[in-house]
PDB file of N, CA and C in Angstrom:
ATOM      1  N   MET A   1     -12.248 -57.309 -55.331  1.00  0.00           N
ATOM      2  CA  MET A   1     -11.996 -56.097 -54.561  1.00  0.00           C
ATOM      3  C   MET A   1     -11.459 -54.947 -55.476  1.00  0.00           C
ATOM      4  N   ASP A   2     -12.086 -53.833 -55.421  1.00  0.00           N
ATOM      5  CA  ASP A   2     -11.694 -52.720 -56.229  1.00  0.00           C
ATOM      6  C   ASP A   2     -10.425 -52.259 -55.733  1.00  0.00           C
ATOM      7  N   ALA A   3      -9.515 -51.731 -56.628  1.00  0.00           N
ATOM      8  CA  ALA A   3      -8.335 -51.132 -56.144  1.00  0.00           C
ATOM      9  C   ALA A   3      -8.587 -49.712 -55.552  1.00  0.00           C
ATOM     10  N   VAL A   4      -7.743 -49.305 -54.785  1.00  0.00           N
ATOM     11  CA  VAL A   4      -7.848 -48.005 -54.061  1.00  0.00           C
ATOM     12  C   VAL A   4      -7.542 -46.969 -55.113  1.00  0.00           C
ATOM     13  N   PRO A   5      -8.401 -45.867 -55.274  1.00  0.00           N
ATOM     14  CA  PRO A   5      -8.132 -44.806 -56.283  1.00  0.00           C
ATOM     15  C   PRO A   5      -6.668 -44.261 -56.095  1.00  0.00           C
ATOM     16  N   SER A   6      -6.032 -44.024 -57.164  1.00  0.00           N
ATOM     17  CA  SER A   6      -4.803 -43.435 -57.076  1.00  0.00           C
ATOM     18  C   SER A   6      -4.800 -41.937 -56.767  1.00  0.00           C
ATOM     19  N   GLY A   7      -3.808 -41.406 -56.275  1.00  0.00           N
ATOM     20  CA  GLY A   7      -3.733 -40.044 -55.883  1.00  0.00           C
ATOM     21  C   GLY A   7      -3.263 -39.897 -54.512  1.00  0.00           C
ATOM     22  N   PRO A   8      -2.932 -38.662 -54.108  1.00  0.00           N
ATOM     23  CA  PRO A   8      -2.350 -38.426 -52.757  1.00  0.00           C
ATOM     24  C   PRO A   8      -3.415 -38.820 -51.663  1.00  0.00           C
ATOM     25  N   ALA A   9      -2.837 -39.584 -50.631  1.00  0.00           N
ATOM     26  CA  ALA A   9      -3.675 -39.965 -49.536  1.00  0.00           C
ATOM     27  C   ALA A   9      -3.675 -38.870 -48.563  1.00  0.00           C
ATOM     28  N   ASN A  10      -4.667 -38.697 -47.784  1.00  0.00           N
ATOM     29  CA  ASN A  10      -4.783 -37.583 -46.688  1.00  0.00           C
ATOM     30  C   ASN A  10      -4.873 -38.347 -45.426  1.00  0.00           C
ATOM     31  N   PRO A  11      -3.777 -38.594 -44.742  1.00  0.00           N
ATOM     32  CA  PRO A  11      -3.792 -39.397 -43.524  1.00  0.00           C
ATOM     33  C   PRO A  11      -4.612 -38.747 -42.465  1.00  0.00           C
ATOM     34  N   ALA A  12      -4.712 -37.430 -42.373  1.00  0.00           N
ATOM     35  CA  ALA A  12      -5.527 -36.763 -41.291  1.00  0.00           C
ATOM     36  C   ALA A  12      -6.925 -37.106 -41.491  1.00  0.00           C
ATOM     37  N   ARG A  13      -7.491 -36.986 -42.741  1.00  0.00           N
ATOM     38  CA  ARG A  13      -8.863 -37.262 -43.022  1.00  0.00           C
ATOM     39  C   ARG A  13      -9.149 -38.804 -42.743  1.00  0.00           C
ATOM     40  N   LEU A  14      -8.221 -39.639 -43.220  1.00  0.00           N
ATOM     41  CA  LEU A  14      -8.467 -41.013 -42.892  1.00  0.00           C
ATOM     42  C   LEU A  14      -8.569 -41.297 -41.435  1.00  0.00           C
ATOM     43  N   ALA A  15      -7.670 -40.749 -40.611  1.00  0.00           N
ATOM     44  CA  ALA A  15      -7.647 -40.969 -39.263  1.00  0.00           C
ATOM     45  C   ALA A  15      -8.945 -40.453 -38.565  1.00  0.00           C
ATOM     46  N   GLU A  16      -9.360 -39.345 -39.057  1.00  0.00           N
ATOM     47  CA  GLU A  16     -10.597 -38.726 -38.457  1.00  0.00           C
ATOM     48  C   GLU A  16     -11.847 -39.641 -38.845  1.00  0.00           C
ATOM     49  N   TYR A  17     -11.885 -40.058 -40.043  1.00  0.00           N
ATOM     50  CA  TYR A  17     -12.924 -40.906 -40.417  1.00  0.00           C
ATOM     51  C   TYR A  17     -12.935 -42.261 -39.727  1.00  0.00           C
ATOM     52  N   SER A  18     -11.702 -42.836 -39.577  1.00  0.00           N
ATOM     53  CA  SER A  18     -11.538 -44.081 -38.871  1.00  0.00           C
ATOM     54  C   SER A  18     -12.027 -43.935 -37.436  1.00  0.00           C
ATOM     55  N   LYS A  19     -11.709 -42.948 -36.766  1.00  0.00           N
ATOM     56  CA  LYS A  19     -12.122 -42.587 -35.374  1.00  0.00           C
ATOM     57  C   LYS A  19     -13.604 -42.644 -35.317  1.00  0.00           C
ATOM     58  N   ARG A  20     -14.344 -41.963 -36.302  1.00  0.00           N
ATOM     59  CA  ARG A  20     -15.811 -41.921 -36.293  1.00  0.00           C
ATOM     60  C   ARG A  20     -16.341 -43.289 -36.488  1.00  0.00           C
ATOM     61  N   VAL A  21     -15.856 -44.081 -37.402  1.00  0.00           N
ATOM     62  CA  VAL A  21     -16.509 -45.358 -37.781  1.00  0.00           C
ATOM     63  C   VAL A  21     -16.036 -46.488 -36.807  1.00  0.00           C
ATOM     64  N   PHE A  22     -14.791 -46.540 -36.478  1.00  0.00           N
ATOM     65  CA  PHE A  22     -14.209 -47.745 -35.724  1.00  0.00           C
ATOM     66  C   PHE A  22     -13.913 -47.393 -34.363  1.00  0.00           C
ATOM     67  N   ASN A  23     -13.917 -46.050 -33.946  1.00  0.00           N
ATOM     68  CA  ASN A  23     -13.413 -45.561 -32.661  1.00  0.00           C
ATOM     69  C   ASN A  23     -11.930 -45.805 -32.488  1.00  0.00           C
ATOM     70  N   ARG A  24     -11.184 -45.999 -33.538  1.00  0.00           N
ATOM     71  CA  ARG A  24      -9.789 -46.167 -33.548  1.00  0.00           C
ATOM     72  C   ARG A  24      -9.194 -45.429 -34.778  1.00  0.00           C
ATOM     73  N   ARG A  25      -8.278 -44.481 -34.347  1.00  0.00           N
ATOM     74  CA  ARG A  25      -7.839 -43.529 -35.498  1.00  0.00           C
ATOM     75  C   ARG A  25      -6.920 -44.244 -36.545  1.00  0.00           C
ATOM     76  N   HIS A  26      -6.417 -45.406 -36.348  1.00  0.00           N
ATOM     77  CA  HIS A  26      -5.418 -45.990 -37.371  1.00  0.00           C
ATOM     78  C   HIS A  26      -5.960 -47.241 -38.053  1.00  0.00           C
ATOM     79  N   HIS A  27      -7.116 -47.585 -37.649  1.00  0.00           N
ATOM     80  CA  HIS A  27      -7.728 -48.924 -38.227  1.00  0.00           C
ATOM     81  C   HIS A  27      -7.839 -48.815 -39.709  1.00  0.00           C
ATOM     82  N   LEU A  28      -8.374 -47.718 -40.245  1.00  0.00           N
ATOM     83  CA  LEU A  28      -8.671 -47.554 -41.740  1.00  0.00           C
ATOM     84  C   LEU A  28      -7.298 -47.608 -42.535  1.00  0.00           C
ATOM     85  N   SER A  29      -6.398 -46.847 -42.002  1.00  0.00           N
ATOM     86  CA  SER A  29      -5.065 -46.769 -42.810  1.00  0.00           C
ATOM     87  C   SER A  29      -4.290 -47.956 -42.748  1.00  0.00           C
ATOM     88  N   ILE A  30      -4.441 -48.818 -41.606  1.00  0.00           N
ATOM     89  CA  ILE A  30      -3.764 -50.028 -41.579  1.00  0.00           C
ATOM     90  C   ILE A  30      -4.464 -51.072 -42.448  1.00  0.00           C
ATOM     91  N   ALA A  31      -5.718 -50.960 -42.549  1.00  0.00           N
ATOM     92  CA  ALA A  31      -6.416 -51.953 -43.435  1.00  0.00           C
ATOM     93  C   ALA A  31      -6.108 -51.619 -44.861  1.00  0.00           C
ATOM     94  N   LEU A  32      -6.063 -50.275 -45.191  1.00  0.00           N
ATOM     95  CA  LEU A  32      -5.800 -49.900 -46.650  1.00  0.00           C
ATOM     96  C   LEU A  32      -4.446 -50.376 -47.011  1.00  0.00           C
ATOM     97  N   ALA A  33      -3.471 -50.526 -46.102  1.00  0.00           N
ATOM     98  CA  ALA A  33      -2.157 -51.018 -46.460  1.00  0.00           C
ATOM     99  C   ALA A  33      -2.337 -52.391 -47.056  1.00  0.00           C
ATOM    100  N   PHE A  34      -3.305 -53.161 -46.771  1.00  0.00           N
ATOM    101  CA  PHE A  34      -3.485 -54.522 -47.324  1.00  0.00           C
ATOM    102  C   PHE A  34      -4.203 -54.462 -48.676  1.00  0.00           C
ATOM    103  N   THR A  35      -5.092 -53.420 -48.849  1.00  0.00           N
ATOM    104  CA  THR A  35      -5.728 -53.383 -50.089  1.00  0.00           C
ATOM    105  C   THR A  35      -4.804 -52.934 -51.158  1.00  0.00           C
ATOM    106  N   ASP A  36      -3.823 -52.201 -50.749  1.00  0.00           N
ATOM    107  CA  ASP A  36      -2.704 -51.726 -51.709  1.00  0.00           C
ATOM    108  C   ASP A  36      -1.658 -52.679 -52.027  1.00  0.00           C
ATOM    109  N   SER A  37      -1.664 -53.769 -51.248  1.00  0.00           N
ATOM    110  CA  SER A  37      -0.541 -54.766 -51.481  1.00  0.00           C
ATOM    111  C   SER A  37      -0.942 -55.773 -52.607  1.00  0.00           C
ATOM    112  N   ARG A  38      -0.080 -56.042 -53.403  1.00  0.00           N
ATOM    113  CA  ARG A  38      -0.396 -56.850 -54.674  1.00  0.00           C
ATOM    114  C   ARG A  38      -0.842 -58.291 -54.273  1.00  0.00           C
ATOM    115  N   ASP A  39      -0.276 -58.937 -53.264  1.00  0.00           N
ATOM    116  CA  ASP A  39      -0.608 -60.228 -52.901  1.00  0.00           C
ATOM    117  C   ASP A  39      -1.395 -60.265 -51.585  1.00  0.00           C
ATOM    118  N   GLY A  40      -1.539 -59.139 -50.916  1.00  0.00           N
ATOM    119  CA  GLY A  40      -2.261 -59.068 -49.750  1.00  0.00           C
ATOM    120  C   GLY A  40      -1.547 -59.688 -48.526  1.00  0.00           C
ATOM    121  N   VAL A  41      -0.185 -59.741 -48.619  1.00  0.00           N
ATOM    122  CA  VAL A  41       0.581 -60.286 -47.622  1.00  0.00           C
ATOM    123  C   VAL A  41       1.624 -59.298 -47.164  1.00  0.00           C
ATOM    124  N   LEU A  42       1.604 -58.849 -45.896  1.00  0.00           N
ATOM    125  CA  LEU A  42       2.471 -57.926 -45.355  1.00  0.00           C
ATOM    126  C   LEU A  42       2.967 -58.359 -43.970  1.00  0.00           C
ATOM    127  N   SER A  43       4.179 -57.876 -43.684  1.00  0.00           N
ATOM    128  CA  SER A  43       4.678 -58.106 -42.299  1.00  0.00           C
ATOM    129  C   SER A  43       4.289 -56.805 -41.508  1.00  0.00           C
ATOM    130  N   ALA A  44       4.415 -56.905 -40.221  1.00  0.00           N
ATOM    131  CA  ALA A  44       4.023 -55.713 -39.323  1.00  0.00           C
ATOM    132  C   ALA A  44       4.957 -54.621 -39.719  1.00  0.00           C
ATOM    133  N   ASP A  45       6.213 -54.796 -39.871  1.00  0.00           N
ATOM    134  CA  ASP A  45       7.229 -53.799 -40.236  1.00  0.00           C
ATOM    135  C   ASP A  45       6.823 -53.077 -41.562  1.00  0.00           C
ATOM    136  N   GLU A  46       6.389 -53.861 -42.606  1.00  0.00           N
ATOM    137  CA  GLU A  46       5.913 -53.232 -43.796  1.00  0.00           C
ATOM    138  C   GLU A  46       4.730 -52.379 -43.657  1.00  0.00           C
ATOM    139  N   VAL A  47       3.781 -52.766 -42.695  1.00  0.00           N
ATOM    140  CA  VAL A  47       2.649 -51.957 -42.446  1.00  0.00           C
ATOM    141  C   VAL A  47       3.004 -50.639 -41.811  1.00  0.00           C
ATOM    142  N   VAL A  48       4.038 -50.742 -40.852  1.00  0.00           N
ATOM    143  CA  VAL A  48       4.521 -49.573 -40.201  1.00  0.00           C
ATOM    144  C   VAL A  48       5.084 -48.601 -41.251  1.00  0.00           C
ATOM    145  N   ALA A  49       5.882 -49.139 -42.217  1.00  0.00           N
ATOM    146  CA  ALA A  49       6.421 -48.362 -43.182  1.00  0.00           C
ATOM    147  C   ALA A  49       5.437 -47.693 -44.162  1.00  0.00           C
ATOM    148  N   LYS A  50       4.326 -48.360 -44.289  1.00  0.00           N
ATOM    149  CA  LYS A  50       3.262 -47.816 -45.305  1.00  0.00           C
ATOM    150  C   LYS A  50       2.299 -46.847 -44.498  1.00  0.00           C
ATOM    151  N   THR A  51       2.347 -46.820 -43.223  1.00  0.00           N
ATOM    152  CA  THR A  51       1.338 -45.865 -42.555  1.00  0.00           C
ATOM    153  C   THR A  51       2.100 -44.911 -41.582  1.00  0.00           C
ATOM    154  N   THR A  52       1.347 -44.037 -40.900  1.00  0.00           N
ATOM    155  CA  THR A  52       2.060 -43.113 -39.960  1.00  0.00           C
ATOM    156  C   THR A  52       1.738 -43.684 -38.523  1.00  0.00           C
ATOM    157  N   SER A  53       1.447 -45.026 -38.495  1.00  0.00           N
ATOM    158  CA  SER A  53       1.129 -45.677 -37.202  1.00  0.00           C
ATOM    159  C   SER A  53       2.460 -46.207 -36.457  1.00  0.00           C
ATOM    160  N   SER A  54       2.469 -46.184 -35.193  1.00  0.00           N
ATOM    161  CA  SER A  54       3.518 -46.670 -34.349  1.00  0.00           C
ATOM    162  C   SER A  54       3.480 -48.290 -34.445  1.00  0.00           C
ATOM    163  N   PRO A  55       4.662 -48.827 -34.269  1.00  0.00           N
ATOM    164  CA  PRO A  55       4.674 -50.342 -34.202  1.00  0.00           C
ATOM    165  C   PRO A  55       3.633 -50.985 -33.292  1.00  0.00           C
ATOM    166  N   ALA A  56       3.529 -50.381 -32.111  1.00  0.00           N
ATOM    167  CA  ALA A  56       2.536 -50.903 -31.007  1.00  0.00           C
ATOM    168  C   ALA A  56       1.094 -50.876 -31.669  1.00  0.00           C
ATOM    169  N   THR A  57       0.795 -49.731 -32.238  1.00  0.00           N
ATOM    170  CA  THR A  57      -0.577 -49.554 -32.917  1.00  0.00           C
ATOM    171  C   THR A  57      -0.803 -50.518 -33.914  1.00  0.00           C
ATOM    172  N   VAL A  58       0.090 -50.664 -34.805  1.00  0.00           N
ATOM    173  CA  VAL A  58      -0.018 -51.671 -35.858  1.00  0.00           C
ATOM    174  C   VAL A  58      -0.138 -52.953 -35.386  1.00  0.00           C
ATOM    175  N   HIS A  59       0.552 -53.402 -34.418  1.00  0.00           N
ATOM    176  CA  HIS A  59       0.437 -54.851 -33.851  1.00  0.00           C
ATOM    177  C   HIS A  59      -0.937 -54.912 -33.309  1.00  0.00           C
ATOM    178  N   HIS A  60      -1.442 -53.973 -32.561  1.00  0.00           N
ATOM    179  CA  HIS A  60      -2.747 -54.072 -31.955  1.00  0.00           C
ATOM    180  C   HIS A  60      -3.766 -54.187 -33.124  1.00  0.00           C
ATOM    181  N   GLU A  61      -3.745 -53.345 -34.106  1.00  0.00           N
ATOM    182  CA  GLU A  61      -4.800 -53.423 -35.114  1.00  0.00           C
ATOM    183  C   GLU A  61      -4.737 -54.718 -35.989  1.00  0.00           C
ATOM    184  N   LEU A  62      -3.460 -55.271 -36.158  1.00  0.00           N
ATOM    185  CA  LEU A  62      -3.270 -56.474 -36.909  1.00  0.00           C
ATOM    186  C   LEU A  62      -4.089 -57.651 -36.067  1.00  0.00           C
ATOM    187  N   GLN A  63      -3.948 -57.552 -34.772  1.00  0.00           N
ATOM    188  CA  GLN A  63      -4.544 -58.589 -33.934  1.00  0.00           C
ATOM    189  C   GLN A  63      -6.065 -58.523 -34.071  1.00  0.00           C
ATOM    190  N   VAL A  64      -6.636 -57.138 -34.041  1.00  0.00           N
ATOM    191  CA  VAL A  64      -8.064 -56.953 -34.286  1.00  0.00           C
ATOM    192  C   VAL A  64      -8.573 -57.528 -35.687  1.00  0.00           C
ATOM    193  N   LEU A  65      -7.664 -57.318 -36.688  1.00  0.00           N
ATOM    194  CA  LEU A  65      -8.000 -57.739 -38.077  1.00  0.00           C
ATOM    195  C   LEU A  65      -8.008 -59.277 -38.075  1.00  0.00           C
ATOM    196  N   VAL A  66      -7.167 -59.917 -37.347  1.00  0.00           N
ATOM    197  CA  VAL A  66      -7.111 -61.406 -37.224  1.00  0.00           C
ATOM    198  C   VAL A  66      -8.277 -61.947 -36.562  1.00  0.00           C
ATOM    199  N   MET A  67      -8.649 -61.334 -35.419  1.00  0.00           N
ATOM    200  CA  MET A  67      -9.879 -61.619 -34.700  1.00  0.00           C
ATOM    201  C   MET A  67     -11.139 -61.506 -35.607  1.00  0.00           C
ATOM    202  N   MET A  68     -11.217 -60.559 -36.404  1.00  0.00           N
ATOM    203  CA  MET A  68     -12.321 -60.287 -37.438  1.00  0.00           C
ATOM    204  C   MET A  68     -12.374 -61.267 -38.414  1.00  0.00           C
ATOM    205  N   ALA A  69     -11.181 -62.157 -38.627  1.00  0.00           N
ATOM    206  CA  ALA A  69     -11.060 -63.032 -39.718  1.00  0.00           C
ATOM    207  C   ALA A  69     -10.876 -62.289 -41.084  1.00  0.00           C
ATOM    208  N   ALA A  70     -10.390 -61.104 -41.119  1.00  0.00           N
ATOM    209  CA  ALA A  70     -10.091 -60.359 -42.194  1.00  0.00           C
ATOM    210  C   ALA A  70      -8.685 -60.596 -42.586  1.00  0.00           C
ATOM    211  N   LEU A  71      -7.840 -60.905 -41.565  1.00  0.00           N
ATOM    212  CA  LEU A  71      -6.377 -61.339 -41.874  1.00  0.00           C
ATOM    213  C   LEU A  71      -6.120 -62.718 -41.286  1.00  0.00           C
ATOM    214  N   GLN A  72      -5.189 -63.376 -41.890  1.00  0.00           N
ATOM    215  CA  GLN A  72      -4.719 -64.645 -41.310  1.00  0.00           C
ATOM    216  C   GLN A  72      -3.282 -64.389 -41.021  1.00  0.00           C
ATOM    217  N   ARG A  73      -2.810 -64.884 -39.817  1.00  0.00           N
ATOM    218  CA  ARG A  73      -1.397 -64.886 -39.414  1.00  0.00           C
ATOM    219  C   ARG A  73      -0.681 -65.918 -40.006  1.00  0.00           C
ATOM    220  N   VAL A  74       0.427 -65.715 -40.652  1.00  0.00           N
ATOM    221  CA  VAL A  74       1.241 -66.820 -41.407  1.00  0.00           C
ATOM    222  C   VAL A  74       2.699 -66.713 -40.903  1.00  0.00           C
ATOM    223  N   GLN A  75       3.188 -67.828 -40.488  1.00  0.00           N
ATOM    224  CA  GLN A  75       4.651 -67.704 -40.190  1.00  0.00           C
ATOM    225  C   GLN A  75       5.477 -68.393 -41.246  1.00  0.00           C
ATOM    226  N   ILE A  76       6.524 -67.784 -41.761  1.00  0.00           N
ATOM    227  CA  ILE A  76       7.325 -68.275 -42.750  1.00  0.00           C
ATOM    228  C   ILE A  76       8.820 -68.031 -42.325  1.00  0.00           C
ATOM    229  N   GLU A  77       9.538 -69.124 -42.068  1.00  0.00           N
ATOM    230  CA  GLU A  77      10.866 -69.048 -41.597  1.00  0.00           C
ATOM    231  C   GLU A  77      11.097 -68.096 -40.477  1.00  0.00           C
ATOM    232  N   ARG A  78      10.511 -68.282 -39.385  1.00  0.00           N
ATOM    233  CA  ARG A  78      10.740 -67.368 -38.157  1.00  0.00           C
ATOM    234  C   ARG A  78      10.063 -65.968 -38.372  1.00  0.00           C
ATOM    235  N   ARG A  79       9.537 -65.702 -39.421  1.00  0.00           N
ATOM    236  CA  ARG A  79       8.961 -64.278 -39.612  1.00  0.00           C
ATOM    237  C   ARG A  79       7.511 -64.294 -39.767  1.00  0.00           C
ATOM    238  N   VAL A  80       6.874 -63.501 -39.091  1.00  0.00           N
ATOM    239  CA  VAL A  80       5.284 -63.509 -39.099  1.00  0.00           C
ATOM    240  C   VAL A  80       4.815 -62.601 -40.181  1.00  0.00           C
ATOM    241  N   TYR A  81       3.918 -62.949 -40.944  1.00  0.00           N
ATOM    242  CA  TYR A  81       3.270 -62.214 -41.932  1.00  0.00           C
ATOM    243  C   TYR A  81       1.751 -62.223 -41.662  1.00  0.00           C
ATOM    244  N   TYR A  82       1.062 -61.313 -42.216  1.00  0.00           N
ATOM    245  CA  TYR A  82      -0.402 -61.213 -42.269  1.00  0.00           C
ATOM    246  C   TYR A  82      -0.960 -61.259 -43.652  1.00  0.00           C
ATOM    247  N   GLN A  83      -1.832 -62.325 -43.986  1.00  0.00           N
ATOM    248  CA  GLN A  83      -2.413 -62.386 -45.315  1.00  0.00           C
ATOM    249  C   GLN A  83      -3.941 -61.923 -45.281  1.00  0.00           C
ATOM    250  N   ARG A  84      -4.199 -61.282 -46.233  1.00  0.00           N
ATOM    251  CA  ARG A  84      -5.584 -60.663 -46.455  1.00  0.00           C
ATOM    252  C   ARG A  84      -6.403 -61.925 -46.727  1.00  0.00           C
ATOM    253  N   VAL A  85      -7.553 -62.045 -46.088  1.00  0.00           N
ATOM    254  CA  VAL A  85      -8.553 -63.121 -46.343  1.00  0.00           C
ATOM    255  C   VAL A  85      -9.495 -62.432 -47.196  1.00  0.00           C
ATOM    256  N   ASP A  86      -9.844 -62.934 -48.423  1.00  0.00           N
ATOM    257  CA  ASP A  86     -10.826 -62.398 -49.273  1.00  0.00           C
ATOM    258  C   ASP A  86     -12.209 -62.302 -48.756  1.00  0.00           C
ATOM    259  N   GLY A  87     -12.919 -61.244 -48.900  1.00  0.00           N
ATOM    260  CA  GLY A  87     -14.225 -61.119 -48.354  1.00  0.00           C
ATOM    261  C   GLY A  87     -14.729 -59.736 -48.466  1.00  0.00           C
ATOM    262  N   PRO A  88     -15.927 -59.416 -48.177  1.00  0.00           N
ATOM    263  CA  PRO A  88     -16.614 -58.072 -48.384  1.00  0.00           C
ATOM    264  C   PRO A  88     -16.007 -56.943 -47.496  1.00  0.00           C
ATOM    265  N   TYR A  89     -15.293 -57.281 -46.455  1.00  0.00           N
ATOM    266  CA  TYR A  89     -14.698 -56.371 -45.540  1.00  0.00           C
ATOM    267  C   TYR A  89     -13.747 -55.501 -46.374  1.00  0.00           C
ATOM    268  N   TRP A  90     -12.994 -55.927 -47.279  1.00  0.00           N
ATOM    269  CA  TRP A  90     -11.993 -55.155 -48.039  1.00  0.00           C
ATOM    270  C   TRP A  90     -12.585 -54.312 -49.056  1.00  0.00           C
ATOM    271  N   ASP A  91     -13.580 -54.564 -49.644  1.00  0.00           N
ATOM    272  CA  ASP A  91     -14.341 -53.641 -50.468  1.00  0.00           C
ATOM    273  C   ASP A  91     -14.984 -52.534 -49.759  1.00  0.00           C
ATOM    274  N   TRP A  92     -15.512 -52.848 -48.512  1.00  0.00           N
ATOM    275  CA  TRP A  92     -15.960 -51.880 -47.624  1.00  0.00           C
ATOM    276  C   TRP A  92     -14.968 -50.882 -47.165  1.00  0.00           C
ATOM    277  N   VAL A  93     -13.819 -51.345 -46.879  1.00  0.00           N
ATOM    278  CA  VAL A  93     -12.634 -50.470 -46.435  1.00  0.00           C
ATOM    279  C   VAL A  93     -12.292 -49.420 -47.546  1.00  0.00           C
ATOM    280  N   VAL A  94     -12.332 -49.941 -48.752  1.00  0.00           N
ATOM    281  CA  VAL A  94     -11.961 -49.045 -49.870  1.00  0.00           C
ATOM    282  C   VAL A  94     -13.079 -48.051 -50.047  1.00  0.00           C
ATOM    283  N   ASP A  95     -14.391 -48.472 -49.885  1.00  0.00           N
ATOM    284  CA  ASP A  95     -15.522 -47.417 -49.978  1.00  0.00           C
ATOM    285  C   ASP A  95     -15.461 -46.470 -48.874  1.00  0.00           C
ATOM    286  N   LEU A  96     -15.132 -46.943 -47.572  1.00  0.00           N
ATOM    287  CA  LEU A  96     -14.981 -45.931 -46.589  1.00  0.00           C
ATOM    288  C   LEU A  96     -13.892 -44.908 -46.757  1.00  0.00           C
ATOM    289  N   ALA A  97     -12.768 -45.429 -47.418  1.00  0.00           N
ATOM    290  CA  ALA A  97     -11.639 -44.483 -47.593  1.00  0.00           C
ATOM    291  C   ALA A  97     -11.980 -43.359 -48.682  1.00  0.00           C
ATOM    292  N   VAL A  98     -12.779 -43.826 -49.653  1.00  0.00           N
ATOM    293  CA  VAL A  98     -13.326 -42.934 -50.673  1.00  0.00           C
ATOM    294  C   VAL A  98     -14.220 -41.907 -50.039  1.00  0.00           C
ATOM    295  N   LEU A  99     -15.177 -42.447 -49.275  1.00  0.00           N
ATOM    296  CA  LEU A  99     -16.135 -41.504 -48.554  1.00  0.00           C
ATOM    297  C   LEU A  99     -15.484 -40.575 -47.750  1.00  0.00           C
ATOM    298  N   ALA A 100     -14.341 -41.009 -47.024  1.00  0.00           N
ATOM    299  CA  ALA A 100     -13.634 -40.122 -46.265  1.00  0.00           C
ATOM    300  C   ALA A 100     -12.927 -38.998 -46.938  1.00  0.00           C
ATOM    301  N   GLY A 101     -12.666 -39.283 -48.295  1.00  0.00           N
ATOM    302  CA  GLY A 101     -11.901 -38.421 -49.058  1.00  0.00           C
ATOM    303  C   GLY A 101     -10.455 -38.453 -48.646  1.00  0.00           C
ATOM    304  N   GLY A 102     -10.103 -39.570 -48.033  1.00  0.00           N
ATOM    305  CA  GLY A 102      -8.676 -39.799 -47.603  1.00  0.00           C
ATOM    306  C   GLY A 102      -7.747 -40.372 -48.676  1.00  0.00           C
ATOM    307  N   VAL A 103      -8.358 -40.856 -49.779  1.00  0.00           N
ATOM    308  CA  VAL A 103      -7.410 -41.288 -50.949  1.00  0.00           C
ATOM    309  C   VAL A 103      -8.051 -40.774 -52.189  1.00  0.00           C
ATOM    310  N   GLY A 104      -7.100 -40.592 -53.102  1.00  0.00           N
ATOM    311  CA  GLY A 104      -7.471 -40.060 -54.455  1.00  0.00           C
ATOM    312  C   GLY A 104      -7.948 -38.652 -54.345  1.00  0.00           C
ATOM    313  N   ASP A 105      -8.519 -38.236 -55.501  1.00  0.00           N
ATOM    314  CA  ASP A 105      -8.928 -36.812 -55.554  1.00  0.00           C
ATOM    315  C   ASP A 105     -10.490 -36.858 -55.485  1.00  0.00           C
ATOM    316  N   VAL A 106     -11.045 -37.414 -54.431  1.00  0.00           N
ATOM    317  CA  VAL A 106     -12.457 -37.600 -54.152  1.00  0.00           C
ATOM    318  C   VAL A 106     -12.925 -36.582 -53.081  1.00  0.00           C
ATOM    319  N   SER A 107     -13.924 -35.817 -53.417  1.00  0.00           N
ATOM    320  CA  SER A 107     -14.426 -34.871 -52.375  1.00  0.00           C
ATOM    321  C   SER A 107     -15.514 -35.497 -51.523  1.00  0.00           C
ATOM    322  N   GLN A 108     -15.615 -34.959 -50.336  1.00  0.00           N
ATOM    323  CA  GLN A 108     -16.539 -35.417 -49.254  1.00  0.00           C
ATOM    324  C   GLN A 108     -17.926 -35.358 -49.890  1.00  0.00           C
ATOM    325  N   PRO A 109     -18.613 -36.481 -49.958  1.00  0.00           N
ATOM    326  CA  PRO A 109     -20.071 -36.453 -50.499  1.00  0.00           C
ATOM    327  C   PRO A 109     -20.963 -35.861 -49.313  1.00  0.00           C
ATOM    328  N   ASP A 110     -22.122 -35.516 -49.838  1.00  0.00           N
ATOM    329  CA  ASP A 110     -23.259 -35.036 -48.901  1.00  0.00           C
ATOM    330  C   ASP A 110     -23.927 -36.272 -48.504  1.00  0.00           C
ATOM    331  N   LEU A 111     -23.667 -36.853 -47.370  1.00  0.00           N
ATOM    332  CA  LEU A 111     -24.291 -38.006 -46.936  1.00  0.00           C
ATOM    333  C   LEU A 111     -25.643 -37.942 -46.575  1.00  0.00           C
ATOM    334  N   HIS A 112     -26.079 -36.610 -46.234  1.00  0.00           N
ATOM    335  CA  HIS A 112     -27.484 -36.429 -45.874  1.00  0.00           C
ATOM    336  C   HIS A 112     -28.385 -36.333 -47.009  1.00  0.00           C
ATOM    337  N   SER A 113     -27.933 -36.196 -48.225  1.00  0.00           N
ATOM    338  CA  SER A 113     -28.789 -36.206 -49.364  1.00  0.00           C
ATOM    339  C   SER A 113     -29.125 -37.533 -49.965  1.00  0.00           C
ATOM    340  N   ARG A 114     -28.465 -38.571 -49.561  1.00  0.00           N
ATOM    341  CA  ARG A 114     -28.663 -39.909 -50.003  1.00  0.00           C
ATOM    342  C   ARG A 114     -30.090 -40.440 -49.541  1.00  0.00           C
ATOM    343  N   ASN A 115     -30.676 -41.256 -50.440  1.00  0.00           N
ATOM    344  CA  ASN A 115     -31.961 -41.867 -50.117  1.00  0.00           C
ATOM    345  C   ASN A 115     -31.621 -42.833 -49.015  1.00  0.00           C
ATOM    346  N   ARG A 116     -32.447 -42.960 -48.017  1.00  0.00           N
ATOM    347  CA  ARG A 116     -32.274 -43.917 -46.934  1.00  0.00           C
ATOM    348  C   ARG A 116     -33.378 -44.997 -46.985  1.00  0.00           C
ATOM    349  N   LEU A 117     -32.957 -46.194 -46.621  1.00  0.00           N
ATOM    350  CA  LEU A 117     -33.823 -47.291 -46.704  1.00  0.00           C
ATOM    351  C   LEU A 117     -34.842 -47.273 -45.496  1.00  0.00           C
TER     352      LEU A 117
END
């Protein structure tokens, strides 16, 4: 998985793009919290701290990611963590964030000029 480009994140652009792609404003930023994590393991509280999402929204999106098999729920000494499961989803999330212009100093590409299959 490629690292998320460094630079200032733009939460509003990420939320707008996430809404267009997933029909959920916070899905992309919550997933990106795991791509930015060194070991891919975070608690719900840590995800809340890394994003602008409410605890209820974070818990809902974490459950969605578990159902997608992108995250695995792990309990360690009465505390619940979520561990990133390696797979192509995470590279795709980083690519979407770059396309959204929501991370790094990347401008919005002209998607209409790309060759289509």
